Amino acid sequence: MQLEQAAVDAHNALATADNPAAARQAAVDTAAAFQAAVTEHAAEKGTSRVDVEMAVKKAVRHAEVAG
């Protein structure tokens, strides 16, 4: 969940970035790290990558609903 939160934060930082190119690259890099972690976790657990991704995104992006 930390990687998804980092990806969301990096994406949100684009709007106010002093260096948009660096901010965009940070957003891409954190999103890629999240996707790699999701894929690895799903493979280890034998579950759907999409199900893992959606569960994490729901928990991070809608934390007030989940808890």
PDB file of N, CA and C in Angstrom:
ATOM      1  N   MET A   1       0.817  -1.186   0.000  1.00  0.00           N
ATOM      2  CA  MET A   1       0.000   0.000   0.000  1.00  0.00           C
ATOM      3  C   MET A   1       0.865   1.255   0.000  1.00  0.00           C
ATOM      4  N   GLN A   2       2.058   1.150   0.557  1.00  0.00           N
ATOM      5  CA  GLN A   2       2.944   2.312   0.579  1.00  0.00           C
ATOM      6  C   GLN A   2       3.341   2.742  -0.830  1.00  0.00           C
ATOM      7  N   LEU A   3       3.578   1.773  -1.711  1.00  0.00           N
ATOM      8  CA  LEU A   3       3.942   2.120  -3.090  1.00  0.00           C
ATOM      9  C   LEU A   3       2.792   2.813  -3.807  1.00  0.00           C
ATOM     10  N   GLU A   4       1.579   2.356  -3.609  1.00  0.00           N
ATOM     11  CA  GLU A   4       0.431   3.009  -4.241  1.00  0.00           C
ATOM     12  C   GLU A   4       0.258   4.409  -3.688  1.00  0.00           C
ATOM     13  N   GLN A   5       0.422   4.578  -2.373  1.00  0.00           N
ATOM     14  CA  GLN A   5       0.300   5.912  -1.790  1.00  0.00           C
ATOM     15  C   GLN A   5       1.382   6.827  -2.351  1.00  0.00           C
ATOM     16  N   ALA A   6       2.591   6.301  -2.515  1.00  0.00           N
ATOM     17  CA  ALA A   6       3.676   7.098  -3.102  1.00  0.00           C
ATOM     18  C   ALA A   6       3.352   7.485  -4.544  1.00  0.00           C
ATOM     19  N   ALA A   7       2.753   6.572  -5.291  1.00  0.00           N
ATOM     20  CA  ALA A   7       2.374   6.866  -6.673  1.00  0.00           C
ATOM     21  C   ALA A   7       1.288   7.938  -6.721  1.00  0.00           C
ATOM     22  N   VAL A   8       0.316   7.848  -5.851  1.00  0.00           N
ATOM     23  CA  VAL A   8      -0.751   8.859  -5.786  1.00  0.00           C
ATOM     24  C   VAL A   8      -0.163  10.215  -5.410  1.00  0.00           C
ATOM     25  N   ASP A   9       0.713  10.222  -4.414  1.00  0.00           N
ATOM     26  CA  ASP A   9       1.338  11.472  -3.981  1.00  0.00           C
ATOM     27  C   ASP A   9       2.169  12.089  -5.099  1.00  0.00           C
ATOM     28  N   ALA A  10       2.928  11.261  -5.809  1.00  0.00           N
ATOM     29  CA  ALA A  10       3.754  11.759  -6.911  1.00  0.00           C
ATOM     30  C   ALA A  10       2.883  12.336  -8.022  1.00  0.00           C
ATOM     31  N   HIS A  11       1.787  11.670  -8.309  1.00  0.00           N
ATOM     32  CA  HIS A  11       0.873  12.174  -9.338  1.00  0.00           C
ATOM     33  C   HIS A  11       0.270  13.513  -8.909  1.00  0.00           C
ATOM     34  N   ASN A  12      -0.130  13.604  -7.663  1.00  0.00           N
ATOM     35  CA  ASN A  12      -0.720  14.845  -7.157  1.00  0.00           C
ATOM     36  C   ASN A  12       0.281  15.996  -7.149  1.00  0.00           C
ATOM     37  N   ALA A  13       1.558  15.689  -6.989  1.00  0.00           N
ATOM     38  CA  ALA A  13       2.601  16.713  -6.956  1.00  0.00           C
ATOM     39  C   ALA A  13       2.836  17.348  -8.323  1.00  0.00           C
ATOM     40  N   LEU A  14       2.368  16.718  -9.377  1.00  0.00           N
ATOM     41  CA  LEU A  14       2.563  17.261 -10.725  1.00  0.00           C
ATOM     42  C   LEU A  14       1.975  18.666 -10.865  1.00  0.00           C
ATOM     43  N   ALA A  15       0.867  18.919 -10.236  1.00  0.00           N
ATOM     44  CA  ALA A  15       0.171  20.194 -10.394  1.00  0.00           C
ATOM     45  C   ALA A  15       0.973  21.375  -9.867  1.00  0.00           C
ATOM     46  N   THR A  16       1.799  21.149  -8.872  1.00  0.00           N
ATOM     47  CA  THR A  16       2.526  22.250  -8.238  1.00  0.00           C
ATOM     48  C   THR A  16       4.040  22.118  -8.366  1.00  0.00           C
ATOM     49  N   ALA A  17       4.497  21.245  -9.228  1.00  0.00           N
ATOM     50  CA  ALA A  17       5.933  20.970  -9.333  1.00  0.00           C
ATOM     51  C   ALA A  17       6.689  22.139  -9.955  1.00  0.00           C
ATOM     52  N   ASP A  18       7.837  22.449  -9.363  1.00  0.00           N
ATOM     53  CA  ASP A  18       8.739  23.450  -9.942  1.00  0.00           C
ATOM     54  C   ASP A  18       9.424  22.890 -11.186  1.00  0.00           C
ATOM     55  N   ASN A  19       9.628  21.589 -11.196  1.00  0.00           N
ATOM     56  CA  ASN A  19      10.275  20.912 -12.321  1.00  0.00           C
ATOM     57  C   ASN A  19       9.313  19.826 -12.814  1.00  0.00           C
ATOM     58  N   PRO A  20       8.414  20.184 -13.730  1.00  0.00           N
ATOM     59  CA  PRO A  20       7.402  19.223 -14.178  1.00  0.00           C
ATOM     60  C   PRO A  20       7.974  17.941 -14.776  1.00  0.00           C
ATOM     61  N   ALA A  21       9.082  18.035 -15.488  1.00  0.00           N
ATOM     62  CA  ALA A  21       9.667  16.831 -16.091  1.00  0.00           C
ATOM     63  C   ALA A  21      10.135  15.858 -15.018  1.00  0.00           C
ATOM     64  N   ALA A  22      10.773  16.366 -13.985  1.00  0.00           N
ATOM     65  CA  ALA A  22      11.236  15.508 -12.892  1.00  0.00           C
ATOM     66  C   ALA A  22      10.049  14.939 -12.119  1.00  0.00           C
ATOM     67  N   ALA A  23       9.040  15.748 -11.906  1.00  0.00           N
ATOM     68  CA  ALA A  23       7.846  15.283 -11.191  1.00  0.00           C
ATOM     69  C   ALA A  23       7.126  14.210 -11.997  1.00  0.00           C
ATOM     70  N   ARG A  24       7.050  14.401 -13.301  1.00  0.00           N
ATOM     71  CA  ARG A  24       6.398  13.415 -14.163  1.00  0.00           C
ATOM     72  C   ARG A  24       7.169  12.097 -14.126  1.00  0.00           C
ATOM     73  N   GLN A  25       8.505  12.178 -14.174  1.00  0.00           N
ATOM     74  CA  GLN A  25       9.316  10.968 -14.120  1.00  0.00           C
ATOM     75  C   GLN A  25       9.152  10.260 -12.780  1.00  0.00           C
ATOM     76  N   ALA A  26       9.073  11.026 -11.705  1.00  0.00           N
ATOM     77  CA  ALA A  26       8.857  10.431 -10.380  1.00  0.00           C
ATOM     78  C   ALA A  26       7.517   9.711 -10.331  1.00  0.00           C
ATOM     79  N   ALA A  27       6.491  10.315 -10.926  1.00  0.00           N
ATOM     80  CA  ALA A  27       5.170   9.686 -10.952  1.00  0.00           C
ATOM     81  C   ALA A  27       5.205   8.384 -11.745  1.00  0.00           C
ATOM     82  N   VAL A  28       5.869   8.405 -12.886  1.00  0.00           N
ATOM     83  CA  VAL A  28       5.979   7.206 -13.722  1.00  0.00           C
ATOM     84  C   VAL A  28       6.761   6.118 -12.983  1.00  0.00           C
ATOM     85  N   ASP A  29       7.861   6.496 -12.361  1.00  0.00           N
ATOM     86  CA  ASP A  29       8.697   5.521 -11.653  1.00  0.00           C
ATOM     87  C   ASP A  29       7.967   4.880 -10.474  1.00  0.00           C
ATOM     88  N   THR A  30       7.248   5.671  -9.699  1.00  0.00           N
ATOM     89  CA  THR A  30       6.543   5.099  -8.551  1.00  0.00           C
ATOM     90  C   THR A  30       5.372   4.231  -9.001  1.00  0.00           C
ATOM     91  N   ALA A  31       4.703   4.639 -10.057  1.00  0.00           N
ATOM     92  CA  ALA A  31       3.607   3.814 -10.586  1.00  0.00           C
ATOM     93  C   ALA A  31       4.142   2.483 -11.111  1.00  0.00           C
ATOM     94  N   ALA A  32       5.294   2.517 -11.776  1.00  0.00           N
ATOM     95  CA  ALA A  32       5.902   1.285 -12.290  1.00  0.00           C
ATOM     96  C   ALA A  32       6.323   0.366 -11.145  1.00  0.00           C
ATOM     97  N   ALA A  33       6.860   0.942 -10.084  1.00  0.00           N
ATOM     98  CA  ALA A  33       7.251   0.137  -8.924  1.00  0.00           C
ATOM     99  C   ALA A  33       6.029  -0.519  -8.296  1.00  0.00           C
ATOM    100  N   PHE A  34       4.939   0.225  -8.200  1.00  0.00           N
ATOM    101  CA  PHE A  34       3.689  -0.327  -7.670  1.00  0.00           C
ATOM    102  C   PHE A  34       3.206  -1.482  -8.536  1.00  0.00           C
ATOM    103  N   GLN A  35       3.174  -1.294  -9.841  1.00  0.00           N
ATOM    104  CA  GLN A  35       2.708  -2.341 -10.749  1.00  0.00           C
ATOM    105  C   GLN A  35       3.572  -3.600 -10.639  1.00  0.00           C
ATOM    106  N   ALA A  36       4.878  -3.422 -10.539  1.00  0.00           N
ATOM    107  CA  ALA A  36       5.776  -4.574 -10.406  1.00  0.00           C
ATOM    108  C   ALA A  36       5.502  -5.322  -9.104  1.00  0.00           C
ATOM    109  N   ALA A  37       5.286  -4.584  -8.029  1.00  0.00           N
ATOM    110  CA  ALA A  37       5.016  -5.210  -6.736  1.00  0.00           C
ATOM    111  C   ALA A  37       3.680  -5.954  -6.757  1.00  0.00           C
ATOM    112  N   VAL A  38       2.687  -5.378  -7.393  1.00  0.00           N
ATOM    113  CA  VAL A  38       1.376  -6.030  -7.509  1.00  0.00           C
ATOM    114  C   VAL A  38       1.509  -7.339  -8.282  1.00  0.00           C
ATOM    115  N   THR A  39       2.201  -7.281  -9.402  1.00  0.00           N
ATOM    116  CA  THR A  39       2.391  -8.468 -10.229  1.00  0.00           C
ATOM    117  C   THR A  39       3.107  -9.567  -9.456  1.00  0.00           C
ATOM    118  N   GLU A  40       4.161  -9.195  -8.742  1.00  0.00           N
ATOM    119  CA  GLU A  40       4.930 -10.165  -7.955  1.00  0.00           C
ATOM    120  C   GLU A  40       4.071 -10.775  -6.844  1.00  0.00           C
ATOM    121  N   HIS A  41       3.343  -9.942  -6.133  1.00  0.00           N
ATOM    122  CA  HIS A  41       2.502 -10.425  -5.031  1.00  0.00           C
ATOM    123  C   HIS A  41       1.420 -11.383  -5.546  1.00  0.00           C
ATOM    124  N   ALA A  42       0.776 -10.995  -6.633  1.00  0.00           N
ATOM    125  CA  ALA A  42      -0.284 -11.836  -7.195  1.00  0.00           C
ATOM    126  C   ALA A  42       0.271 -13.188  -7.628  1.00  0.00           C
ATOM    127  N   ALA A  43       1.444 -13.184  -8.240  1.00  0.00           N
ATOM    128  CA  ALA A  43       2.057 -14.438  -8.676  1.00  0.00           C
ATOM    129  C   ALA A  43       2.405 -15.324  -7.476  1.00  0.00           C
ATOM    130  N   GLU A  44       2.933 -14.709  -6.418  1.00  0.00           N
ATOM    131  CA  GLU A  44       3.287 -15.465  -5.208  1.00  0.00           C
ATOM    132  C   GLU A  44       2.060 -16.084  -4.553  1.00  0.00           C
ATOM    133  N   LYS A  45       0.963 -15.351  -4.547  1.00  0.00           N
ATOM    134  CA  LYS A  45      -0.256 -15.810  -3.882  1.00  0.00           C
ATOM    135  C   LYS A  45      -1.169 -16.618  -4.796  1.00  0.00           C
ATOM    136  N   GLY A  46      -0.871 -16.612  -6.099  1.00  0.00           N
ATOM    137  CA  GLY A  46      -1.718 -17.329  -7.041  1.00  0.00           C
ATOM    138  C   GLY A  46      -3.078 -16.680  -7.236  1.00  0.00           C
ATOM    139  N   THR A  47      -3.109 -15.355  -7.122  1.00  0.00           N
ATOM    140  CA  THR A  47      -4.350 -14.620  -7.275  1.00  0.00           C
ATOM    141  C   THR A  47      -4.281 -13.715  -8.504  1.00  0.00           C
ATOM    142  N   SER A  48      -5.399 -13.130  -8.827  1.00  0.00           N
ATOM    143  CA  SER A  48      -5.486 -12.220  -9.962  1.00  0.00           C
ATOM    144  C   SER A  48      -4.739 -10.924  -9.670  1.00  0.00           C
ATOM    145  N   ARG A  49      -3.895 -10.507 -10.595  1.00  0.00           N
ATOM    146  CA  ARG A  49      -3.161  -9.256 -10.449  1.00  0.00           C
ATOM    147  C   ARG A  49      -4.135  -8.080 -10.382  1.00  0.00           C
ATOM    148  N   VAL A  50      -5.168  -8.140 -11.180  1.00  0.00           N
ATOM    149  CA  VAL A  50      -6.163  -7.060 -11.197  1.00  0.00           C
ATOM    150  C   VAL A  50      -6.881  -6.971  -9.855  1.00  0.00           C
ATOM    151  N   ASP A  51      -7.232  -8.122  -9.275  1.00  0.00           N
ATOM    152  CA  ASP A  51      -7.899  -8.110  -7.972  1.00  0.00           C
ATOM    153  C   ASP A  51      -7.002  -7.497  -6.897  1.00  0.00           C
ATOM    154  N   VAL A  52      -5.716  -7.847  -6.922  1.00  0.00           N
ATOM    155  CA  VAL A  52      -4.770  -7.287  -5.951  1.00  0.00           C
ATOM    156  C   VAL A  52      -4.669  -5.778  -6.147  1.00  0.00           C
ATOM    157  N   GLU A  53      -4.497  -5.361  -7.391  1.00  0.00           N
ATOM    158  CA  GLU A  53      -4.361  -3.929  -7.684  1.00  0.00           C
ATOM    159  C   GLU A  53      -5.596  -3.149  -7.233  1.00  0.00           C
ATOM    160  N   MET A  54      -6.767  -3.646  -7.558  1.00  0.00           N
ATOM    161  CA  MET A  54      -7.990  -2.932  -7.195  1.00  0.00           C
ATOM    162  C   MET A  54      -8.181  -2.865  -5.681  1.00  0.00           C
ATOM    163  N   ALA A  55      -7.833  -3.935  -4.982  1.00  0.00           N
ATOM    164  CA  ALA A  55      -7.970  -3.936  -3.523  1.00  0.00           C
ATOM    165  C   ALA A  55      -7.047  -2.908  -2.887  1.00  0.00           C
ATOM    166  N   VAL A  56      -5.817  -2.836  -3.367  1.00  0.00           N
ATOM    167  CA  VAL A  56      -4.865  -1.866  -2.821  1.00  0.00           C
ATOM    168  C   VAL A  56      -5.309  -0.449  -3.151  1.00  0.00           C
ATOM    169  N   LYS A  57      -5.678  -0.210  -4.400  1.00  0.00           N
ATOM    170  CA  LYS A  57      -6.111   1.135  -4.783  1.00  0.00           C
ATOM    171  C   LYS A  57      -7.339   1.573  -3.985  1.00  0.00           C
ATOM    172  N   LYS A  58      -8.269   0.662  -3.771  1.00  0.00           N
ATOM    173  CA  LYS A  58      -9.452   0.998  -2.983  1.00  0.00           C
ATOM    174  C   LYS A  58      -9.058   1.366  -1.560  1.00  0.00           C
ATOM    175  N   ALA A  59      -8.149   0.586  -0.981  1.00  0.00           N
ATOM    176  CA  ALA A  59      -7.720   0.847   0.397  1.00  0.00           C
ATOM    177  C   ALA A  59      -6.997   2.181   0.514  1.00  0.00           C
ATOM    178  N   VAL A  60      -6.186   2.521  -0.466  1.00  0.00           N
ATOM    179  CA  VAL A  60      -5.411   3.755  -0.408  1.00  0.00           C
ATOM    180  C   VAL A  60      -6.259   4.962  -0.779  1.00  0.00           C
ATOM    181  N   ARG A  61      -6.975   4.867  -1.863  1.00  0.00           N
ATOM    182  CA  ARG A  61      -7.687   6.024  -2.386  1.00  0.00           C
ATOM    183  C   ARG A  61      -9.017   6.294  -1.688  1.00  0.00           C
ATOM    184  N   HIS A  62      -9.540   5.294  -1.012  1.00  0.00           N
ATOM    185  CA  HIS A  62     -10.825   5.445  -0.336  1.00  0.00           C
ATOM    186  C   HIS A  62     -10.713   4.996   1.109  1.00  0.00           C
ATOM    187  N   ALA A  63      -9.635   5.402   1.750  1.00  0.00           N
ATOM    188  CA  ALA A  63      -9.356   4.973   3.124  1.00  0.00           C
ATOM    189  C   ALA A  63     -10.469   5.358   4.083  1.00  0.00           C
ATOM    190  N   GLU A  64     -11.096   6.481   3.854  1.00  0.00           N
ATOM    191  CA  GLU A  64     -12.164   6.914   4.746  1.00  0.00           C
ATOM    192  C   GLU A  64     -13.370   5.997   4.670  1.00  0.00           C
ATOM    193  N   VAL A  65     -13.574   5.343   3.542  1.00  0.00           N
ATOM    194  CA  VAL A  65     -14.679   4.398   3.392  1.00  0.00           C
ATOM    195  C   VAL A  65     -14.317   3.062   4.031  1.00  0.00           C
ATOM    196  N   ALA A  66     -13.061   2.641   3.838  1.00  0.00           N
ATOM    197  CA  ALA A  66     -12.609   1.349   4.329  1.00  0.00           C
ATOM    198  C   ALA A  66     -12.460   1.316   5.843  1.00  0.00           C
ATOM    199  N   GLY A  67     -12.177   2.432   6.448  1.00  0.00           N
ATOM    200  CA  GLY A  67     -11.946   2.334   7.864  1.00  0.00           C
ATOM    201  C   GLY A  67     -12.327   3.525   8.591  1.00  0.00           C
TER     202      GLY A  67
END
